[in-house]
Full PDB file with SEQRES, HELIX, SHEET, SSBOND, CRYST1, ORIGX, SCALE, CONECT and MASTER records, all heavy atoms in Angstrom:
SEQRES   1 A   41  ALA GLY PRO GLY ALA GLY ASP SER GLY ALA ASP SER GLY          
SEQRES   2 A   41  GLY GLY SER GLY GLY THR ALA ALA LEU ALA ASP ALA PHE          
SEQRES   3 A   41  ILE GLU PHE VAL THR GLY PRO GLU GLY GLN GLU VAL LEU          
SEQRES   4 A   41  ALA ASP                                                      
HELIX    1 AA1 GLY A    2  GLY A    4  5                                   3    
HELIX    2 AA2 GLY A   17  THR A   31  1                                  15    
HELIX    3 AA3 PRO A   33  ALA A   40  1                                   8    
CRYST1    1.000    1.000    1.000  90.00  90.00  90.00 P 1           1          
ORIGX1      1.000000  0.000000  0.000000        0.00000                         
ORIGX2      0.000000  1.000000  0.000000        0.00000                         
ORIGX3      0.000000  0.000000  1.000000        0.00000                         
SCALE1      1.000000  0.000000  0.000000        0.00000                         
SCALE2      0.000000  1.000000  0.000000        0.00000                         
SCALE3      0.000000  0.000000  1.000000        0.00000                         
ATOM      1  N   ALA A   1     103.693  96.724 110.355  1.00  0.00           N  
ATOM      2  CA  ALA A   1     105.106  96.950 110.125  1.00  0.00           C  
ATOM      3  C   ALA A   1     105.920  95.641 110.523  1.00  0.00           C  
ATOM      4  O   ALA A   1     105.283  94.689 111.273  1.00  0.00           O  
ATOM      5  CB  ALA A   1     105.665  98.076 110.874  1.00  0.00           C  
ATOM      6  N   GLY A   2     107.082  95.401 110.158  1.00  0.00           N  
ATOM      7  CA  GLY A   2     107.898  94.373 110.663  1.00  0.00           C  
ATOM      8  C   GLY A   2     107.719  93.191 110.027  1.00  0.00           C  
ATOM      9  O   GLY A   2     107.389  93.068 108.805  1.00  0.00           O  
ATOM     10  N   PRO A   3     108.021  91.889 110.587  1.00  0.00           N  
ATOM     11  CA  PRO A   3     108.033  90.708 110.126  1.00  0.00           C  
ATOM     12  C   PRO A   3     106.716  90.328 109.479  1.00  0.00           C  
ATOM     13  O   PRO A   3     106.536  89.540 108.549  1.00  0.00           O  
ATOM     14  CB  PRO A   3     108.410  89.735 111.146  1.00  0.00           C  
ATOM     15  CG  PRO A   3     109.098  90.555 112.189  1.00  0.00           C  
ATOM     16  CD  PRO A   3     108.458  91.915 112.032  1.00  0.00           C  
ATOM     17  N   GLY A   4     105.665  90.906 109.907  1.00  0.00           N  
ATOM     18  CA  GLY A   4     104.301  90.509 109.346  1.00  0.00           C  
ATOM     19  C   GLY A   4     103.915  91.448 108.107  1.00  0.00           C  
ATOM     20  O   GLY A   4     102.838  91.327 107.651  1.00  0.00           O  
ATOM     21  N   ALA A   5     104.810  92.340 107.666  1.00  0.00           N  
ATOM     22  CA  ALA A   5     104.478  93.215 106.535  1.00  0.00           C  
ATOM     23  C   ALA A   5     104.994  92.644 105.237  1.00  0.00           C  
ATOM     24  O   ALA A   5     106.001  93.131 104.655  1.00  0.00           O  
ATOM     25  CB  ALA A   5     105.050  94.671 106.912  1.00  0.00           C  
ATOM     26  N   GLY A   6     104.425  91.679 104.834  1.00  0.00           N  
ATOM     27  CA  GLY A   6     104.798  91.016 103.549  1.00  0.00           C  
ATOM     28  C   GLY A   6     106.143  90.441 103.494  1.00  0.00           C  
ATOM     29  O   GLY A   6     106.738  89.989 104.500  1.00  0.00           O  
ATOM     30  N   ASP A   7     106.892  90.539 102.343  1.00  0.00           N  
ATOM     31  CA  ASP A   7     108.115  90.004 102.176  1.00  0.00           C  
ATOM     32  C   ASP A   7     109.293  91.003 102.376  1.00  0.00           C  
ATOM     33  O   ASP A   7     110.419  90.888 101.936  1.00  0.00           O  
ATOM     34  CB  ASP A   7     108.255  89.205 100.893  1.00  0.00           C  
ATOM     35  CG  ASP A   7     107.361  88.070 100.822  1.00  0.00           C  
ATOM     36  OD1 ASP A   7     107.064  87.501 101.832  1.00  0.00           O  
ATOM     37  OD2 ASP A   7     106.843  87.929  99.734  1.00  0.00           O  
ATOM     38  N   SER A   8     108.887  92.217 102.709  1.00  0.00           N  
ATOM     39  CA  SER A   8     109.710  93.358 102.575  1.00  0.00           C  
ATOM     40  C   SER A   8     110.847  93.668 103.668  1.00  0.00           C  
ATOM     41  O   SER A   8     111.582  94.574 103.637  1.00  0.00           O  
ATOM     42  CB  SER A   8     108.915  94.611 102.393  1.00  0.00           C  
ATOM     43  OG  SER A   8     108.207  94.774 103.434  1.00  0.00           O  
ATOM     44  N   GLY A   9     110.700  92.935 104.702  1.00  0.00           N  
ATOM     45  CA  GLY A   9     111.711  93.086 105.802  1.00  0.00           C  
ATOM     46  C   GLY A   9     111.126  93.890 106.920  1.00  0.00           C  
ATOM     47  O   GLY A   9     110.085  94.453 106.951  1.00  0.00           O  
ATOM     48  N   ALA A  10     111.833  94.034 108.084  1.00  0.00           N  
ATOM     49  CA  ALA A  10     111.387  94.492 109.278  1.00  0.00           C  
ATOM     50  C   ALA A  10     111.208  96.038 109.394  1.00  0.00           C  
ATOM     51  O   ALA A  10     110.604  96.542 110.203  1.00  0.00           O  
ATOM     52  CB  ALA A  10     112.359  94.221 110.379  1.00  0.00           C  
ATOM     53  N   ASP A  11     111.797  96.954 108.505  1.00  0.00           N  
ATOM     54  CA  ASP A  11     111.666  98.204 108.651  1.00  0.00           C  
ATOM     55  C   ASP A  11     110.633  98.961 107.618  1.00  0.00           C  
ATOM     56  O   ASP A  11     110.643 100.100 107.453  1.00  0.00           O  
ATOM     57  CB  ASP A  11     112.921  99.022 108.586  1.00  0.00           C  
ATOM     58  CG  ASP A  11     114.005  98.509 107.837  1.00  0.00           C  
ATOM     59  OD1 ASP A  11     113.770  97.801 106.835  1.00  0.00           O  
ATOM     60  OD2 ASP A  11     115.181  98.860 108.130  1.00  0.00           O  
ATOM     61  N   SER A  12     109.927  98.081 107.074  1.00  0.00           N  
ATOM     62  CA  SER A  12     108.882  98.748 106.190  1.00  0.00           C  
ATOM     63  C   SER A  12     107.509  98.795 106.796  1.00  0.00           C  
ATOM     64  O   SER A  12     107.120  97.845 107.615  1.00  0.00           O  
ATOM     65  CB  SER A  12     108.811  97.853 104.858  1.00  0.00           C  
ATOM     66  OG  SER A  12     108.400  96.624 105.093  1.00  0.00           O  
ATOM     67  N   GLY A  13     106.602  99.543 106.330  1.00  0.00           N  
ATOM     68  CA  GLY A  13     105.265  99.552 106.855  1.00  0.00           C  
ATOM     69  C   GLY A  13     104.248  99.178 105.866  1.00  0.00           C  
ATOM     70  O   GLY A  13     104.214  99.800 104.797  1.00  0.00           O  
ATOM     71  N   GLY A  14     103.620  98.169 106.102  1.00  0.00           N  
ATOM     72  CA  GLY A  14     102.717  97.611 105.065  1.00  0.00           C  
ATOM     73  C   GLY A  14     103.322  97.064 103.894  1.00  0.00           C  
ATOM     74  O   GLY A  14     102.697  97.207 102.778  1.00  0.00           O  
ATOM     75  N   GLY A  15     104.609  96.677 103.844  1.00  0.00           N  
ATOM     76  CA  GLY A  15     105.112  95.976 102.730  1.00  0.00           C  
ATOM     77  C   GLY A  15     106.051  96.937 102.182  1.00  0.00           C  
ATOM     78  O   GLY A  15     106.614  97.849 102.745  1.00  0.00           O  
ATOM     79  N   SER A  16     106.508  96.659 100.854  1.00  0.00           N  
ATOM     80  CA  SER A  16     107.451  97.734 100.154  1.00  0.00           C  
ATOM     81  C   SER A  16     106.670  99.103  99.873  1.00  0.00           C  
ATOM     82  O   SER A  16     105.629  99.284 100.208  1.00  0.00           O  
ATOM     83  CB  SER A  16     107.701  96.944  98.729  1.00  0.00           C  
ATOM     84  OG  SER A  16     106.570  96.847  97.923  1.00  0.00           O  
ATOM     85  N   GLY A  17     107.459  99.896  99.282  1.00  0.00           N  
ATOM     86  CA  GLY A  17     107.026 101.272  98.957  1.00  0.00           C  
ATOM     87  C   GLY A  17     105.615 101.260  98.386  1.00  0.00           C  
ATOM     88  O   GLY A  17     104.695 102.005  98.789  1.00  0.00           O  
ATOM     89  N   GLY A  18     105.394 100.488  97.363  1.00  0.00           N  
ATOM     90  CA  GLY A  18     104.051 100.461  96.683  1.00  0.00           C  
ATOM     91  C   GLY A  18     103.018  99.868  97.534  1.00  0.00           C  
ATOM     92  O   GLY A  18     101.993 100.553  97.510  1.00  0.00           O  
ATOM     93  N   THR A  19     103.283  98.879  98.285  1.00  0.00           N  
ATOM     94  CA  THR A  19     102.287  98.242  99.094  1.00  0.00           C  
ATOM     95  C   THR A  19     102.006  99.107 100.222  1.00  0.00           C  
ATOM     96  O   THR A  19     100.894  99.193 100.729  1.00  0.00           O  
ATOM     97  CB  THR A  19     102.729  96.767  99.548  1.00  0.00           C  
ATOM     98  OG1 THR A  19     103.026  96.050  98.354  1.00  0.00           O  
ATOM     99  CG2 THR A  19     101.539  96.102 100.197  1.00  0.00           C  
ATOM    100  N   ALA A  20     102.911  99.891 100.811  1.00  0.00           N  
ATOM    101  CA  ALA A  20     102.731 100.817 101.897  1.00  0.00           C  
ATOM    102  C   ALA A  20     101.869 101.798 101.535  1.00  0.00           C  
ATOM    103  O   ALA A  20     100.820 102.234 102.132  1.00  0.00           O  
ATOM    104  CB  ALA A  20     104.091 101.324 102.374  1.00  0.00           C  
ATOM    105  N   ALA A  21     101.960 102.376 100.288  1.00  0.00           N  
ATOM    106  CA  ALA A  21     101.128 103.362  99.669  1.00  0.00           C  
ATOM    107  C   ALA A  21      99.674 102.783  99.524  1.00  0.00           C  
ATOM    108  O   ALA A  21      98.680 103.451  99.752  1.00  0.00           O  
ATOM    109  CB  ALA A  21     101.606 103.896  98.358  1.00  0.00           C  
ATOM    110  N   LEU A  22      99.652 101.539  99.203  1.00  0.00           N  
ATOM    111  CA  LEU A  22      98.190 100.888  98.901  1.00  0.00           C  
ATOM    112  C   LEU A  22      97.569 100.621 100.339  1.00  0.00           C  
ATOM    113  O   LEU A  22      96.424 100.784 100.389  1.00  0.00           O  
ATOM    114  CB  LEU A  22      98.409  99.597  98.235  1.00  0.00           C  
ATOM    115  CG  LEU A  22      97.317  98.834  97.503  1.00  0.00           C  
ATOM    116  CD1 LEU A  22      96.701  99.793  96.429  1.00  0.00           C  
ATOM    117  CD2 LEU A  22      97.621  97.464  96.950  1.00  0.00           C  
ATOM    118  N   ALA A  23      98.351 100.390 101.237  1.00  0.00           N  
ATOM    119  CA  ALA A  23      97.805 100.225 102.588  1.00  0.00           C  
ATOM    120  C   ALA A  23      97.230 101.409 103.127  1.00  0.00           C  
ATOM    121  O   ALA A  23      96.189 101.484 103.688  1.00  0.00           O  
ATOM    122  CB  ALA A  23      98.879  99.656 103.452  1.00  0.00           C  
ATOM    123  N   ASP A  24      97.988 102.465 102.880  1.00  0.00           N  
ATOM    124  CA  ASP A  24      97.531 103.823 103.406  1.00  0.00           C  
ATOM    125  C   ASP A  24      96.200 104.268 102.650  1.00  0.00           C  
ATOM    126  O   ASP A  24      95.338 104.843 103.257  1.00  0.00           O  
ATOM    127  CB  ASP A  24      98.575 104.969 103.171  1.00  0.00           C  
ATOM    128  CG  ASP A  24      99.825 104.834 104.114  1.00  0.00           C  
ATOM    129  OD1 ASP A  24      99.604 104.032 105.154  1.00  0.00           O  
ATOM    130  OD2 ASP A  24     100.783 105.451 103.726  1.00  0.00           O  
ATOM    131  N   ALA A  25      96.250 103.882 101.287  1.00  0.00           N  
ATOM    132  CA  ALA A  25      95.068 104.141 100.532  1.00  0.00           C  
ATOM    133  C   ALA A  25      93.729 103.427 101.098  1.00  0.00           C  
ATOM    134  O   ALA A  25      92.635 104.079 101.039  1.00  0.00           O  
ATOM    135  CB  ALA A  25      95.225 104.038  99.046  1.00  0.00           C  
ATOM    136  N   PHE A  26      94.002 102.203 101.446  1.00  0.00           N  
ATOM    137  CA  PHE A  26      92.911 101.327 101.847  1.00  0.00           C  
ATOM    138  C   PHE A  26      92.400 101.921 103.113  1.00  0.00           C  
ATOM    139  O   PHE A  26      91.151 101.903 103.363  1.00  0.00           O  
ATOM    140  CB  PHE A  26      93.365  99.953 102.015  1.00  0.00           C  
ATOM    141  CG  PHE A  26      92.314  98.992 102.487  1.00  0.00           C  
ATOM    142  CD1 PHE A  26      91.357  98.511 101.583  1.00  0.00           C  
ATOM    143  CD2 PHE A  26      92.061  98.680 103.749  1.00  0.00           C  
ATOM    144  CE1 PHE A  26      90.320  97.699 101.921  1.00  0.00           C  
ATOM    145  CE2 PHE A  26      91.177  97.731 104.139  1.00  0.00           C  
ATOM    146  CZ  PHE A  26      90.143  97.323 103.363  1.00  0.00           C  
ATOM    147  N   ILE A  27      93.239 102.237 104.121  1.00  0.00           N  
ATOM    148  CA  ILE A  27      92.770 102.774 105.419  1.00  0.00           C  
ATOM    149  C   ILE A  27      92.014 104.134 105.135  1.00  0.00           C  
ATOM    150  O   ILE A  27      90.986 104.328 105.715  1.00  0.00           O  
ATOM    151  CB  ILE A  27      93.969 102.988 106.238  1.00  0.00           C  
ATOM    152  CG1 ILE A  27      94.622 101.577 106.689  1.00  0.00           C  
ATOM    153  CG2 ILE A  27      93.560 103.767 107.429  1.00  0.00           C  
ATOM    154  CD1 ILE A  27      95.925 101.696 107.433  1.00  0.00           C  
ATOM    155  N   GLU A  28      92.596 104.995 104.220  1.00  0.00           N  
ATOM    156  CA  GLU A  28      91.811 106.175 103.892  1.00  0.00           C  
ATOM    157  C   GLU A  28      90.445 105.922 103.330  1.00  0.00           C  
ATOM    158  O   GLU A  28      89.545 106.492 103.587  1.00  0.00           O  
ATOM    159  CB  GLU A  28      92.622 106.983 102.956  1.00  0.00           C  
ATOM    160  CG  GLU A  28      92.072 108.406 102.558  1.00  0.00           C  
ATOM    161  CD  GLU A  28      92.894 109.220 101.666  1.00  0.00           C  
ATOM    162  OE1 GLU A  28      94.119 108.728 101.421  1.00  0.00           O  
ATOM    163  OE2 GLU A  28      92.483 110.238 101.208  1.00  0.00           O  
ATOM    164  N   PHE A  29      90.282 104.717 102.541  1.00  0.00           N  
ATOM    165  CA  PHE A  29      89.061 104.481 101.889  1.00  0.00           C  
ATOM    166  C   PHE A  29      88.096 103.917 102.996  1.00  0.00           C  
ATOM    167  O   PHE A  29      86.898 104.244 102.909  1.00  0.00           O  
ATOM    168  CB  PHE A  29      89.295 103.265 100.893  1.00  0.00           C  
ATOM    169  CG  PHE A  29      88.115 103.075 100.004  1.00  0.00           C  
ATOM    170  CD1 PHE A  29      88.036 103.767  98.716  1.00  0.00           C  
ATOM    171  CD2 PHE A  29      87.068 102.301 100.209  1.00  0.00           C  
ATOM    172  CE1 PHE A  29      87.050 103.637  97.855  1.00  0.00           C  
ATOM    173  CE2 PHE A  29      86.113 102.004  99.333  1.00  0.00           C  
ATOM    174  CZ  PHE A  29      85.985 102.617  98.157  1.00  0.00           C  
ATOM    175  N   VAL A  30      88.539 103.145 103.869  1.00  0.00           N  
ATOM    176  CA  VAL A  30      87.850 102.610 105.003  1.00  0.00           C  
ATOM    177  C   VAL A  30      87.221 103.814 105.851  1.00  0.00           C  
ATOM    178  O   VAL A  30      86.119 103.747 106.196  1.00  0.00           O  
ATOM    179  CB  VAL A  30      88.438 101.639 105.906  1.00  0.00           C  
ATOM    180  CG1 VAL A  30      87.712 101.262 107.187  1.00  0.00           C  
ATOM    181  CG2 VAL A  30      88.752 100.247 105.065  1.00  0.00           C  
ATOM    182  N   THR A  31      87.938 104.705 106.244  1.00  0.00           N  
ATOM    183  CA  THR A  31      87.669 105.812 107.095  1.00  0.00           C  
ATOM    184  C   THR A  31      86.936 106.938 106.304  1.00  0.00           C  
ATOM    185  O   THR A  31      86.533 107.792 107.006  1.00  0.00           O  
ATOM    186  CB  THR A  31      88.903 106.336 107.780  1.00  0.00           C  
ATOM    187  OG1 THR A  31      89.800 106.823 106.820  1.00  0.00           O  
ATOM    188  CG2 THR A  31      89.419 105.363 108.643  1.00  0.00           C  
ATOM    189  N   GLY A  32      86.964 106.877 104.940  1.00  0.00           N  
ATOM    190  CA  GLY A  32      86.424 107.936 104.202  1.00  0.00           C  
ATOM    191  C   GLY A  32      84.839 107.755 104.074  1.00  0.00           C  
ATOM    192  O   GLY A  32      84.188 106.807 104.377  1.00  0.00           O  
ATOM    193  N   PRO A  33      84.276 108.561 103.266  1.00  0.00           N  
ATOM    194  CA  PRO A  33      82.786 108.479 103.048  1.00  0.00           C  
ATOM    195  C   PRO A  33      82.212 107.260 102.480  1.00  0.00           C  
ATOM    196  O   PRO A  33      81.141 106.665 102.931  1.00  0.00           O  
ATOM    197  CB  PRO A  33      82.502 109.653 102.073  1.00  0.00           C  
ATOM    198  CG  PRO A  33      83.688 110.711 102.278  1.00  0.00           C  
ATOM    199  CD  PRO A  33      84.852 109.808 102.580  1.00  0.00           C  
ATOM    200  N   GLU A  34      83.017 106.658 101.476  1.00  0.00           N  
ATOM    201  CA  GLU A  34      82.426 105.288 100.771  1.00  0.00           C  
ATOM    202  C   GLU A  34      82.515 104.230 101.808  1.00  0.00           C  
ATOM    203  O   GLU A  34      81.529 103.462 101.925  1.00  0.00           O  
ATOM    204  CB  GLU A  34      83.170 105.149  99.546  1.00  0.00           C  
ATOM    205  CG  GLU A  34      82.828 106.004  98.422  1.00  0.00           C  
ATOM    206  CD  GLU A  34      83.569 105.594  97.135  1.00  0.00           C  
ATOM    207  OE1 GLU A  34      83.025 104.531  96.440  1.00  0.00           O  
ATOM    208  OE2 GLU A  34      84.544 106.165  96.842  1.00  0.00           O  
ATOM    209  N   GLY A  35      83.622 104.057 102.475  1.00  0.00           N  
ATOM    210  CA  GLY A  35      83.782 103.038 103.473  1.00  0.00           C  
ATOM    211  C   GLY A  35      82.799 103.184 104.503  1.00  0.00           C  
ATOM    212  O   GLY A  35      82.328 102.163 105.093  1.00  0.00           O  
ATOM    213  N   GLN A  36      82.711 104.467 105.104  1.00  0.00           N  
ATOM    214  CA  GLN A  36      81.735 104.621 106.281  1.00  0.00           C  
ATOM    215  C   GLN A  36      80.209 104.295 105.890  1.00  0.00           C  
ATOM    216  O   GLN A  36      79.502 103.806 106.637  1.00  0.00           O  
ATOM    217  CB  GLN A  36      81.792 106.057 106.731  1.00  0.00           C  
ATOM    218  CG  GLN A  36      83.138 106.308 107.359  1.00  0.00           C  
ATOM    219  CD  GLN A  36      83.379 105.451 108.695  1.00  0.00           C  
ATOM    220  OE1 GLN A  36      82.507 105.618 109.502  1.00  0.00           O  
ATOM    221  NE2 GLN A  36      84.431 104.679 108.720  1.00  0.00           N  
ATOM    222  N   GLU A  37      80.049 104.587 104.549  1.00  0.00           N  
ATOM    223  CA  GLU A  37      78.620 104.311 104.150  1.00  0.00           C  
ATOM    224  C   GLU A  37      78.372 102.843 104.091  1.00  0.00           C  
ATOM    225  O   GLU A  37      77.259 102.291 104.505  1.00  0.00           O  
ATOM    226  CB  GLU A  37      78.346 104.847 102.718  1.00  0.00           C  
ATOM    227  CG  GLU A  37      76.825 104.533 102.195  1.00  0.00           C  
ATOM    228  CD  GLU A  37      76.816 105.023 100.602  1.00  0.00           C  
ATOM    229  OE1 GLU A  37      77.637 105.692 100.126  1.00  0.00           O  
ATOM    230  OE2 GLU A  37      75.799 104.787 100.089  1.00  0.00           O  
ATOM    231  N   VAL A  38      79.355 101.973 103.562  1.00  0.00           N  
ATOM    232  CA  VAL A  38      79.092 100.548 103.619  1.00  0.00           C  
ATOM    233  C   VAL A  38      79.140  99.950 105.017  1.00  0.00           C  
ATOM    234  O   VAL A  38      78.295  99.124 105.297  1.00  0.00           O  
ATOM    235  CB  VAL A  38      80.352  99.980 102.977  1.00  0.00           C  
ATOM    236  CG1 VAL A  38      80.349  98.357 102.986  1.00  0.00           C  
ATOM    237  CG2 VAL A  38      80.342 100.307 101.399  1.00  0.00           C  
ATOM    238  N   LEU A  39      79.896 100.476 105.911  1.00  0.00           N  
ATOM    239  CA  LEU A  39      80.020 100.077 107.283  1.00  0.00           C  
ATOM    240  C   LEU A  39      78.599 100.260 107.975  1.00  0.00           C  
ATOM    241  O   LEU A  39      78.098  99.545 108.688  1.00  0.00           O  
ATOM    242  CB  LEU A  39      81.048 100.726 108.060  1.00  0.00           C  
ATOM    243  CG  LEU A  39      82.329 100.196 107.720  1.00  0.00           C  
ATOM    244  CD1 LEU A  39      83.586 101.291 108.141  1.00  0.00           C  
ATOM    245  CD2 LEU A  39      82.663  98.750 108.331  1.00  0.00           C  
ATOM    246  N   ALA A  40      78.055 101.560 107.627  1.00  0.00           N  
ATOM    247  CA  ALA A  40      76.699 101.972 108.218  1.00  0.00           C  
ATOM    248  C   ALA A  40      75.593 100.926 107.779  1.00  0.00           C  
ATOM    249  O   ALA A  40      74.711 100.507 108.402  1.00  0.00           O  
ATOM    250  CB  ALA A  40      76.310 103.284 107.856  1.00  0.00           C  
ATOM    251  N   ASP A  41      75.756 100.499 106.438  1.00  0.00           N  
ATOM    252  CA  ASP A  41      74.728  99.613 105.826  1.00  0.00           C  
ATOM    253  C   ASP A  41      74.763  98.130 106.564  1.00  0.00           C  
ATOM    254  O   ASP A  41      73.761  97.554 106.488  1.00  0.00           O  
ATOM    255  CB  ASP A  41      75.063  99.364 104.424  1.00  0.00           C  
ATOM    256  CG  ASP A  41      74.633 100.712 103.464  1.00  0.00           C  
ATOM    257  OD1 ASP A  41      73.951 101.570 104.128  1.00  0.00           O  
ATOM    258  OD2 ASP A  41      75.000 100.720 102.365  1.00  0.00           O  
TER     259      ASP A  41                                                      
MASTER        0    0    0    3    0    0    0    6  258    1    0    4          
END                                                                             
């Protein structure tokens, strides 16, 4: 969030609305079965 979150300004999380949703999806992917399988490998 904040100044490091893309070009969207200080009160957004992970960028603008669409990028924030993408960030949440990526985190879910990493912590989900597919991501965990790759990490274990």
